[in-house]
Amino acid sequence: MERITKADHACAVAAAAAHDFNNELTVILSTVSASIQALEPGHPARPHLFDLQRAAQRCARKSSGLLRFGVQRRNHPVGASLDSLLTD
């Protein structure tokens, strides 16, 4: 069994969390985009939806950065669930 250092474990946890978070952001961004398209241009909710969209896009960029960091840290990325990494 491969020995995982604390740094490797932290990177694996960060990458798994970023992956899960990115999946949730995909749902949020899709829903917000559909809502923006469904509303009339002058609808009072549209500015709030655009704010949500920008915030979710910023989070997606941060999540992508965490994923890249995790992959760069390990030579051989290992598929694992976030729950299994947190219980080890």
PDB file of N, CA and C in Angstrom:
ATOM      1  N   MET A   1       0.845  -1.191   0.000  1.00  0.00           N
ATOM      2  CA  MET A   1       0.000   0.000   0.000  1.00  0.00           C
ATOM      3  C   MET A   1       0.884   1.246   0.000  1.00  0.00           C
ATOM      4  N   GLU A   2       0.529   2.183  -0.814  1.00  0.00           N
ATOM      5  CA  GLU A   2       1.294   3.416  -0.921  1.00  0.00           C
ATOM      6  C   GLU A   2       1.130   4.231   0.357  1.00  0.00           C
ATOM      7  N   ARG A   3       2.233   4.723   0.847  1.00  0.00           N
ATOM      8  CA  ARG A   3       2.187   5.565   2.037  1.00  0.00           C
ATOM      9  C   ARG A   3       1.876   6.998   1.612  1.00  0.00           C
ATOM     10  N   ILE A   4       0.873   7.581   2.242  1.00  0.00           N
ATOM     11  CA  ILE A   4       0.457   8.936   1.901  1.00  0.00           C
ATOM     12  C   ILE A   4       0.929   9.886   2.989  1.00  0.00           C
ATOM     13  N   THR A   5       1.665  10.901   2.575  1.00  0.00           N
ATOM     14  CA  THR A   5       2.122  11.897   3.536  1.00  0.00           C
ATOM     15  C   THR A   5       0.958  12.808   3.912  1.00  0.00           C
ATOM     16  N   LYS A   6       1.149  13.568   4.977  1.00  0.00           N
ATOM     17  CA  LYS A   6       0.097  14.503   5.384  1.00  0.00           C
ATOM     18  C   LYS A   6      -0.184  15.526   4.297  1.00  0.00           C
ATOM     19  N   ALA A   7       0.853  15.980   3.621  1.00  0.00           N
ATOM     20  CA  ALA A   7       0.672  16.949   2.540  1.00  0.00           C
ATOM     21  C   ALA A   7      -0.106  16.334   1.389  1.00  0.00           C
ATOM     22  N   ASP A   8       0.236  15.083   1.030  1.00  0.00           N
ATOM     23  CA  ASP A   8      -0.488  14.401  -0.033  1.00  0.00           C
ATOM     24  C   ASP A   8      -1.945  14.206   0.344  1.00  0.00           C
ATOM     25  N   HIS A   9      -2.186  13.849   1.607  1.00  0.00           N
ATOM     26  CA  HIS A   9      -3.553  13.646   2.083  1.00  0.00           C
ATOM     27  C   HIS A   9      -4.329  14.958   2.016  1.00  0.00           C
ATOM     28  N   ALA A  10      -3.706  16.043   2.441  1.00  0.00           N
ATOM     29  CA  ALA A  10      -4.366  17.353   2.400  1.00  0.00           C
ATOM     30  C   ALA A  10      -4.703  17.742   0.967  1.00  0.00           C
ATOM     31  N   CYS A  11      -3.797  17.473   0.041  1.00  0.00           N
ATOM     32  CA  CYS A  11      -4.052  17.787  -1.363  1.00  0.00           C
ATOM     33  C   CYS A  11      -5.179  16.925  -1.925  1.00  0.00           C
ATOM     34  N   ALA A  12      -5.194  15.660  -1.538  1.00  0.00           N
ATOM     35  CA  ALA A  12      -6.257  14.772  -2.007  1.00  0.00           C
ATOM     36  C   ALA A  12      -7.610  15.220  -1.464  1.00  0.00           C
ATOM     37  N   VAL A  13      -7.650  15.625  -0.208  1.00  0.00           N
ATOM     38  CA  VAL A  13      -8.896  16.120   0.384  1.00  0.00           C
ATOM     39  C   VAL A  13      -9.339  17.395  -0.331  1.00  0.00           C
ATOM     40  N   ALA A  14      -8.407  18.301  -0.580  1.00  0.00           N
ATOM     41  CA  ALA A  14      -8.731  19.554  -1.268  1.00  0.00           C
ATOM     42  C   ALA A  14      -9.251  19.274  -2.673  1.00  0.00           C
ATOM     43  N   ALA A  15      -8.634  18.365  -3.383  1.00  0.00           N
ATOM     44  CA  ALA A  15      -9.062  18.049  -4.748  1.00  0.00           C
ATOM     45  C   ALA A  15     -10.440  17.398  -4.745  1.00  0.00           C
ATOM     46  N   ALA A  16     -10.678  16.485  -3.813  1.00  0.00           N
ATOM     47  CA  ALA A  16     -11.989  15.830  -3.744  1.00  0.00           C
ATOM     48  C   ALA A  16     -13.079  16.840  -3.382  1.00  0.00           C
ATOM     49  N   ALA A  17     -12.775  17.720  -2.439  1.00  0.00           N
ATOM     50  CA  ALA A  17     -13.741  18.750  -2.047  1.00  0.00           C
ATOM     51  C   ALA A  17     -14.011  19.693  -3.210  1.00  0.00           C
ATOM     52  N   ALA A  18     -12.967  20.083  -3.913  1.00  0.00           N
ATOM     53  CA  ALA A  18     -13.124  20.985  -5.055  1.00  0.00           C
ATOM     54  C   ALA A  18     -13.965  20.328  -6.145  1.00  0.00           C
ATOM     55  N   HIS A  19     -13.757  19.036  -6.358  1.00  0.00           N
ATOM     56  CA  HIS A  19     -14.530  18.314  -7.374  1.00  0.00           C
ATOM     57  C   HIS A  19     -16.010  18.286  -6.997  1.00  0.00           C
ATOM     58  N   ASP A  20     -16.312  17.943  -5.744  1.00  0.00           N
ATOM     59  CA  ASP A  20     -17.698  17.924  -5.273  1.00  0.00           C
ATOM     60  C   ASP A  20     -18.314  19.318  -5.356  1.00  0.00           C
ATOM     61  N   PHE A  21     -17.563  20.314  -4.937  1.00  0.00           N
ATOM     62  CA  PHE A  21     -18.039  21.691  -4.959  1.00  0.00           C
ATOM     63  C   PHE A  21     -18.307  22.139  -6.396  1.00  0.00           C
ATOM     64  N   ASN A  22     -17.428  21.763  -7.299  1.00  0.00           N
ATOM     65  CA  ASN A  22     -17.590  22.115  -8.703  1.00  0.00           C
ATOM     66  C   ASN A  22     -18.863  21.503  -9.283  1.00  0.00           C
ATOM     67  N   ASN A  23     -19.181  20.283  -8.880  1.00  0.00           N
ATOM     68  CA  ASN A  23     -20.420  19.653  -9.334  1.00  0.00           C
ATOM     69  C   ASN A  23     -21.639  20.456  -8.880  1.00  0.00           C
ATOM     70  N   GLU A  24     -21.630  20.901  -7.629  1.00  0.00           N
ATOM     71  CA  GLU A  24     -22.740  21.701  -7.106  1.00  0.00           C
ATOM     72  C   GLU A  24     -22.826  23.048  -7.817  1.00  0.00           C
ATOM     73  N   LEU A  25     -21.684  23.646  -8.095  1.00  0.00           N
ATOM     74  CA  LEU A  25     -21.675  24.928  -8.806  1.00  0.00           C
ATOM     75  C   LEU A  25     -22.236  24.792 -10.217  1.00  0.00           C
ATOM     76  N   THR A  26     -22.022  23.672 -10.836  1.00  0.00           N
ATOM     77  CA  THR A  26     -22.571  23.431 -12.166  1.00  0.00           C
ATOM     78  C   THR A  26     -24.093  23.494 -12.128  1.00  0.00           C
ATOM     79  N   VAL A  27     -24.680  22.882 -11.111  1.00  0.00           N
ATOM     80  CA  VAL A  27     -26.136  22.924 -10.948  1.00  0.00           C
ATOM     81  C   VAL A  27     -26.597  24.361 -10.712  1.00  0.00           C
ATOM     82  N   ILE A  28     -25.902  25.075  -9.828  1.00  0.00           N
ATOM     83  CA  ILE A  28     -26.274  26.458  -9.519  1.00  0.00           C
ATOM     84  C   ILE A  28     -26.190  27.330 -10.766  1.00  0.00           C
ATOM     85  N   LEU A  29     -25.075  27.238 -11.477  1.00  0.00           N
ATOM     86  CA  LEU A  29     -24.894  28.070 -12.669  1.00  0.00           C
ATOM     87  C   LEU A  29     -25.923  27.745 -13.755  1.00  0.00           C
ATOM     88  N   SER A  30     -26.244  26.480 -13.925  1.00  0.00           N
ATOM     89  CA  SER A  30     -27.241  26.096 -14.921  1.00  0.00           C
ATOM     90  C   SER A  30     -28.613  26.647 -14.566  1.00  0.00           C
ATOM     91  N   THR A  31     -28.972  26.536 -13.291  1.00  0.00           N
ATOM     92  CA  THR A  31     -30.274  27.020 -12.846  1.00  0.00           C
ATOM     93  C   THR A  31     -30.374  28.539 -12.953  1.00  0.00           C
ATOM     94  N   VAL A  32     -29.304  29.227 -12.548  1.00  0.00           N
ATOM     95  CA  VAL A  32     -29.303  30.689 -12.629  1.00  0.00           C
ATOM     96  C   VAL A  32     -29.393  31.140 -14.087  1.00  0.00           C
ATOM     97  N   SER A  33     -28.645  30.504 -14.966  1.00  0.00           N
ATOM     98  CA  SER A  33     -28.683  30.876 -16.387  1.00  0.00           C
ATOM     99  C   SER A  33     -30.079  30.672 -16.971  1.00  0.00           C
ATOM    100  N   ALA A  34     -30.694  29.542 -16.645  1.00  0.00           N
ATOM    101  CA  ALA A  34     -32.045  29.277 -17.147  1.00  0.00           C
ATOM    102  C   ALA A  34     -33.038  30.294 -16.594  1.00  0.00           C
ATOM    103  N   SER A  35     -32.862  30.675 -15.339  1.00  0.00           N
ATOM    104  CA  SER A  35     -33.754  31.664 -14.721  1.00  0.00           C
ATOM    105  C   SER A  35     -33.598  33.035 -15.370  1.00  0.00           C
ATOM    106  N   ILE A  36     -32.362  33.416 -15.648  1.00  0.00           N
ATOM    107  CA  ILE A  36     -32.113  34.710 -16.312  1.00  0.00           C
ATOM    108  C   ILE A  36     -32.788  34.728 -17.680  1.00  0.00           C
ATOM    109  N   GLN A  37     -32.643  33.646 -18.421  1.00  0.00           N
ATOM    110  CA  GLN A  37     -33.234  33.584 -19.761  1.00  0.00           C
ATOM    111  C   GLN A  37     -34.759  33.576 -19.715  1.00  0.00           C
ATOM    112  N   ALA A  38     -35.330  33.009 -18.651  1.00  0.00           N
ATOM    113  CA  ALA A  38     -36.784  32.896 -18.558  1.00  0.00           C
ATOM    114  C   ALA A  38     -37.461  34.211 -18.171  1.00  0.00           C
ATOM    115  N   LEU A  39     -36.715  35.095 -17.535  1.00  0.00           N
ATOM    116  CA  LEU A  39     -37.310  36.348 -17.063  1.00  0.00           C
ATOM    117  C   LEU A  39     -37.205  37.448 -18.111  1.00  0.00           C
ATOM    118  N   GLU A  40     -38.193  38.316 -18.097  1.00  0.00           N
ATOM    119  CA  GLU A  40     -38.184  39.497 -18.975  1.00  0.00           C
ATOM    120  C   GLU A  40     -36.980  40.366 -18.635  1.00  0.00           C
ATOM    121  N   PRO A  41     -36.426  41.094 -19.608  1.00  0.00           N
ATOM    122  CA  PRO A  41     -35.261  41.944 -19.354  1.00  0.00           C
ATOM    123  C   PRO A  41     -35.438  42.940 -18.208  1.00  0.00           C
ATOM    124  N   GLY A  42     -36.612  43.452 -17.964  1.00  0.00           N
ATOM    125  CA  GLY A  42     -36.794  44.444 -16.906  1.00  0.00           C
ATOM    126  C   GLY A  42     -37.216  43.856 -15.567  1.00  0.00           C
ATOM    127  N   HIS A  43     -37.236  42.547 -15.467  1.00  0.00           N
ATOM    128  CA  HIS A  43     -37.705  41.910 -14.232  1.00  0.00           C
ATOM    129  C   HIS A  43     -36.780  42.282 -13.069  1.00  0.00           C
ATOM    130  N   PRO A  44     -37.353  42.616 -11.898  1.00  0.00           N
ATOM    131  CA  PRO A  44     -36.534  43.062 -10.770  1.00  0.00           C
ATOM    132  C   PRO A  44     -35.601  41.985 -10.189  1.00  0.00           C
ATOM    133  N   ALA A  45     -35.851  40.725 -10.484  1.00  0.00           N
ATOM    134  CA  ALA A  45     -34.984  39.656  -9.962  1.00  0.00           C
ATOM    135  C   ALA A  45     -33.715  39.467 -10.792  1.00  0.00           C
ATOM    136  N   ARG A  46     -33.716  39.933 -12.032  1.00  0.00           N
ATOM    137  CA  ARG A  46     -32.561  39.703 -12.920  1.00  0.00           C
ATOM    138  C   ARG A  46     -31.233  40.228 -12.364  1.00  0.00           C
ATOM    139  N   PRO A  47     -31.182  41.462 -11.814  1.00  0.00           N
ATOM    140  CA  PRO A  47     -29.895  41.910 -11.268  1.00  0.00           C
ATOM    141  C   PRO A  47     -29.369  40.994 -10.160  1.00  0.00           C
ATOM    142  N   HIS A  48     -30.274  40.456  -9.355  1.00  0.00           N
ATOM    143  CA  HIS A  48     -29.859  39.543  -8.281  1.00  0.00           C
ATOM    144  C   HIS A  48     -29.340  38.227  -8.860  1.00  0.00           C
ATOM    145  N   LEU A  49     -29.971  37.771  -9.911  1.00  0.00           N
ATOM    146  CA  LEU A  49     -29.512  36.545 -10.561  1.00  0.00           C
ATOM    147  C   LEU A  49     -28.143  36.738 -11.202  1.00  0.00           C
ATOM    148  N   PHE A  50     -27.918  37.910 -11.784  1.00  0.00           N
ATOM    149  CA  PHE A  50     -26.590  38.192 -12.352  1.00  0.00           C
ATOM    150  C   PHE A  50     -25.527  38.226 -11.247  1.00  0.00           C
ATOM    151  N   ASP A  51     -25.885  38.773 -10.079  1.00  0.00           N
ATOM    152  CA  ASP A  51     -24.962  38.760  -8.932  1.00  0.00           C
ATOM    153  C   ASP A  51     -24.635  37.326  -8.523  1.00  0.00           C
ATOM    154  N   LEU A  52     -25.665  36.478  -8.452  1.00  0.00           N
ATOM    155  CA  LEU A  52     -25.452  35.066  -8.108  1.00  0.00           C
ATOM    156  C   LEU A  52     -24.572  34.374  -9.131  1.00  0.00           C
ATOM    157  N   GLN A  53     -24.825  34.681 -10.387  1.00  0.00           N
ATOM    158  CA  GLN A  53     -24.043  34.064 -11.454  1.00  0.00           C
ATOM    159  C   GLN A  53     -22.567  34.445 -11.345  1.00  0.00           C
ATOM    160  N   ARG A  54     -22.295  35.717 -11.121  1.00  0.00           N
ATOM    161  CA  ARG A  54     -20.898  36.161 -10.989  1.00  0.00           C
ATOM    162  C   ARG A  54     -20.229  35.530  -9.764  1.00  0.00           C
ATOM    163  N   ALA A  55     -20.947  35.455  -8.656  1.00  0.00           N
ATOM    164  CA  ALA A  55     -20.378  34.845  -7.444  1.00  0.00           C
ATOM    165  C   ALA A  55     -20.082  33.362  -7.674  1.00  0.00           C
ATOM    166  N   ALA A  56     -20.996  32.657  -8.320  1.00  0.00           N
ATOM    167  CA  ALA A  56     -20.781  31.237  -8.595  1.00  0.00           C
ATOM    168  C   ALA A  56     -19.613  31.039  -9.565  1.00  0.00           C
ATOM    169  N   GLN A  57     -19.470  31.930 -10.533  1.00  0.00           N
ATOM    170  CA  GLN A  57     -18.339  31.841 -11.465  1.00  0.00           C
ATOM    171  C   GLN A  57     -17.013  32.066 -10.737  1.00  0.00           C
ATOM    172  N   ARG A  58     -16.991  33.010  -9.789  1.00  0.00           N
ATOM    173  CA  ARG A  58     -15.763  33.219  -8.993  1.00  0.00           C
ATOM    174  C   ARG A  58     -15.437  31.963  -8.190  1.00  0.00           C
ATOM    175  N   CYS A  59     -16.443  31.363  -7.598  1.00  0.00           N
ATOM    176  CA  CYS A  59     -16.231  30.128  -6.833  1.00  0.00           C
ATOM    177  C   CYS A  59     -15.734  29.004  -7.738  1.00  0.00           C
ATOM    178  N   ALA A  60     -16.265  28.931  -8.952  1.00  0.00           N
ATOM    179  CA  ALA A  60     -15.839  27.894  -9.893  1.00  0.00           C
ATOM    180  C   ALA A  60     -14.362  28.065 -10.253  1.00  0.00           C
ATOM    181  N   ARG A  61     -13.920  29.313 -10.425  1.00  0.00           N
ATOM    182  CA  ARG A  61     -12.493  29.549 -10.718  1.00  0.00           C
ATOM    183  C   ARG A  61     -11.624  29.106  -9.539  1.00  0.00           C
ATOM    184  N   LYS A  62     -12.058  29.400  -8.327  1.00  0.00           N
ATOM    185  CA  LYS A  62     -11.289  28.977  -7.142  1.00  0.00           C
ATOM    186  C   LYS A  62     -11.266  27.463  -7.034  1.00  0.00           C
ATOM    187  N   SER A  63     -12.386  26.840  -7.303  1.00  0.00           N
ATOM    188  CA  SER A  63     -12.478  25.384  -7.264  1.00  0.00           C
ATOM    189  C   SER A  63     -11.539  24.756  -8.295  1.00  0.00           C
ATOM    190  N   SER A  64     -11.494  25.332  -9.484  1.00  0.00           N
ATOM    191  CA  SER A  64     -10.583  24.830 -10.524  1.00  0.00           C
ATOM    192  C   SER A  64      -9.129  24.957 -10.088  1.00  0.00           C
ATOM    193  N   GLY A  65      -8.814  26.049  -9.394  1.00  0.00           N
ATOM    194  CA  GLY A  65      -7.452  26.234  -8.877  1.00  0.00           C
ATOM    195  C   GLY A  65      -7.087  25.163  -7.873  1.00  0.00           C
ATOM    196  N   LEU A  66      -8.024  24.813  -7.000  1.00  0.00           N
ATOM    197  CA  LEU A  66      -7.775  23.739  -6.029  1.00  0.00           C
ATOM    198  C   LEU A  66      -7.575  22.397  -6.727  1.00  0.00           C
ATOM    199  N   LEU A  67      -8.369  22.143  -7.746  1.00  0.00           N
ATOM    200  CA  LEU A  67      -8.216  20.895  -8.493  1.00  0.00           C
ATOM    201  C   LEU A  67      -6.850  20.826  -9.172  1.00  0.00           C
ATOM    202  N   ARG A  68      -6.443  21.923  -9.811  1.00  0.00           N
ATOM    203  CA  ARG A  68      -5.123  21.941 -10.464  1.00  0.00           C
ATOM    204  C   ARG A  68      -4.014  21.720  -9.448  1.00  0.00           C
ATOM    205  N   PHE A  69      -4.121  22.359  -8.289  1.00  0.00           N
ATOM    206  CA  PHE A  69      -3.106  22.207  -7.252  1.00  0.00           C
ATOM    207  C   PHE A  69      -3.017  20.753  -6.804  1.00  0.00           C
ATOM    208  N   GLY A  70      -4.159  20.130  -6.587  1.00  0.00           N
ATOM    209  CA  GLY A  70      -4.170  18.733  -6.148  1.00  0.00           C
ATOM    210  C   GLY A  70      -3.552  17.808  -7.174  1.00  0.00           C
ATOM    211  N   VAL A  71      -3.826  18.049  -8.440  1.00  0.00           N
ATOM    212  CA  VAL A  71      -3.273  17.200  -9.499  1.00  0.00           C
ATOM    213  C   VAL A  71      -1.773  17.430  -9.646  1.00  0.00           C
ATOM    214  N   GLN A  72      -1.324  18.665  -9.548  1.00  0.00           N
ATOM    215  CA  GLN A  72       0.101  18.962  -9.662  1.00  0.00           C
ATOM    216  C   GLN A  72       0.882  18.338  -8.511  1.00  0.00           C
ATOM    217  N   ARG A  73       0.269  18.263  -7.365  1.00  0.00           N
ATOM    218  CA  ARG A  73       0.945  17.775  -6.163  1.00  0.00           C
ATOM    219  C   ARG A  73       1.197  16.279  -6.229  1.00  0.00           C
ATOM    220  N   ARG A  74       0.291  15.559  -6.871  1.00  0.00           N
ATOM    221  CA  ARG A  74       0.417  14.104  -6.972  1.00  0.00           C
ATOM    222  C   ARG A  74       0.766  13.729  -8.404  1.00  0.00           C
ATOM    223  N   ASN A  75       1.714  12.831  -8.548  1.00  0.00           N
ATOM    224  CA  ASN A  75       2.066  12.363  -9.882  1.00  0.00           C
ATOM    225  C   ASN A  75       0.987  11.452 -10.458  1.00  0.00           C
ATOM    226  N   HIS A  76       0.309  10.717  -9.582  1.00  0.00           N
ATOM    227  CA  HIS A  76      -0.702   9.768 -10.012  1.00  0.00           C
ATOM    228  C   HIS A  76      -2.005  10.080  -9.291  1.00  0.00           C
ATOM    229  N   PRO A  77      -2.848  10.938  -9.876  1.00  0.00           N
ATOM    230  CA  PRO A  77      -4.112  11.249  -9.208  1.00  0.00           C
ATOM    231  C   PRO A  77      -4.907   9.984  -8.938  1.00  0.00           C
ATOM    232  N   VAL A  78      -5.467   9.899  -7.758  1.00  0.00           N
ATOM    233  CA  VAL A  78      -6.222   8.733  -7.340  1.00  0.00           C
ATOM    234  C   VAL A  78      -7.676   9.146  -7.169  1.00  0.00           C
ATOM    235  N   GLY A  79      -8.587   8.378  -7.742  1.00  0.00           N
ATOM    236  CA  GLY A  79     -10.004   8.652  -7.559  1.00  0.00           C
ATOM    237  C   GLY A  79     -10.426   8.222  -6.169  1.00  0.00           C
ATOM    238  N   ALA A  80     -11.017   9.115  -5.431  1.00  0.00           N
ATOM    239  CA  ALA A  80     -11.493   8.802  -4.100  1.00  0.00           C
ATOM    240  C   ALA A  80     -12.628   9.743  -3.753  1.00  0.00           C
ATOM    241  N   SER A  81     -13.528   9.237  -2.919  1.00  0.00           N
ATOM    242  CA  SER A  81     -14.613  10.112  -2.493  1.00  0.00           C
ATOM    243  C   SER A  81     -14.126  10.985  -1.346  1.00  0.00           C
ATOM    244  N   LEU A  82     -14.728  12.158  -1.217  1.00  0.00           N
ATOM    245  CA  LEU A  82     -14.370  13.065  -0.136  1.00  0.00           C
ATOM    246  C   LEU A  82     -14.612  12.407   1.212  1.00  0.00           C
ATOM    247  N   ASP A  83     -15.706  11.689   1.351  1.00  0.00           N
ATOM    248  CA  ASP A  83     -16.019  11.042   2.626  1.00  0.00           C
ATOM    249  C   ASP A  83     -14.934  10.032   3.036  1.00  0.00           C
ATOM    250  N   SER A  84     -14.439   9.256   2.075  1.00  0.00           N
ATOM    251  CA  SER A  84     -13.412   8.263   2.429  1.00  0.00           C
ATOM    252  C   SER A  84     -12.106   8.922   2.831  1.00  0.00           C
ATOM    253  N   LEU A  85     -11.779  10.061   2.220  1.00  0.00           N
ATOM    254  CA  LEU A  85     -10.554  10.772   2.587  1.00  0.00           C
ATOM    255  C   LEU A  85     -10.658  11.406   3.965  1.00  0.00           C
ATOM    256  N   LEU A  86     -11.833  11.884   4.303  1.00  0.00           N
ATOM    257  CA  LEU A  86     -12.003  12.541   5.595  1.00  0.00           C
ATOM    258  C   LEU A  86     -12.048  11.554   6.746  1.00  0.00           C
ATOM    259  N   THR A  87     -12.400  10.301   6.478  1.00  0.00           N
ATOM    260  CA  THR A  87     -12.466   9.329   7.551  1.00  0.00           C
ATOM    261  C   THR A  87     -11.149   8.591   7.751  1.00  0.00           C
ATOM    262  N   ASP A  88     -10.221   8.719   6.824  1.00  0.00           N
ATOM    263  CA  ASP A  88      -8.904   8.051   6.973  1.00  0.00           C
ATOM    264  C   ASP A  88      -8.057   8.738   8.026  1.00  0.00           C
TER     265      ASP A  88
END
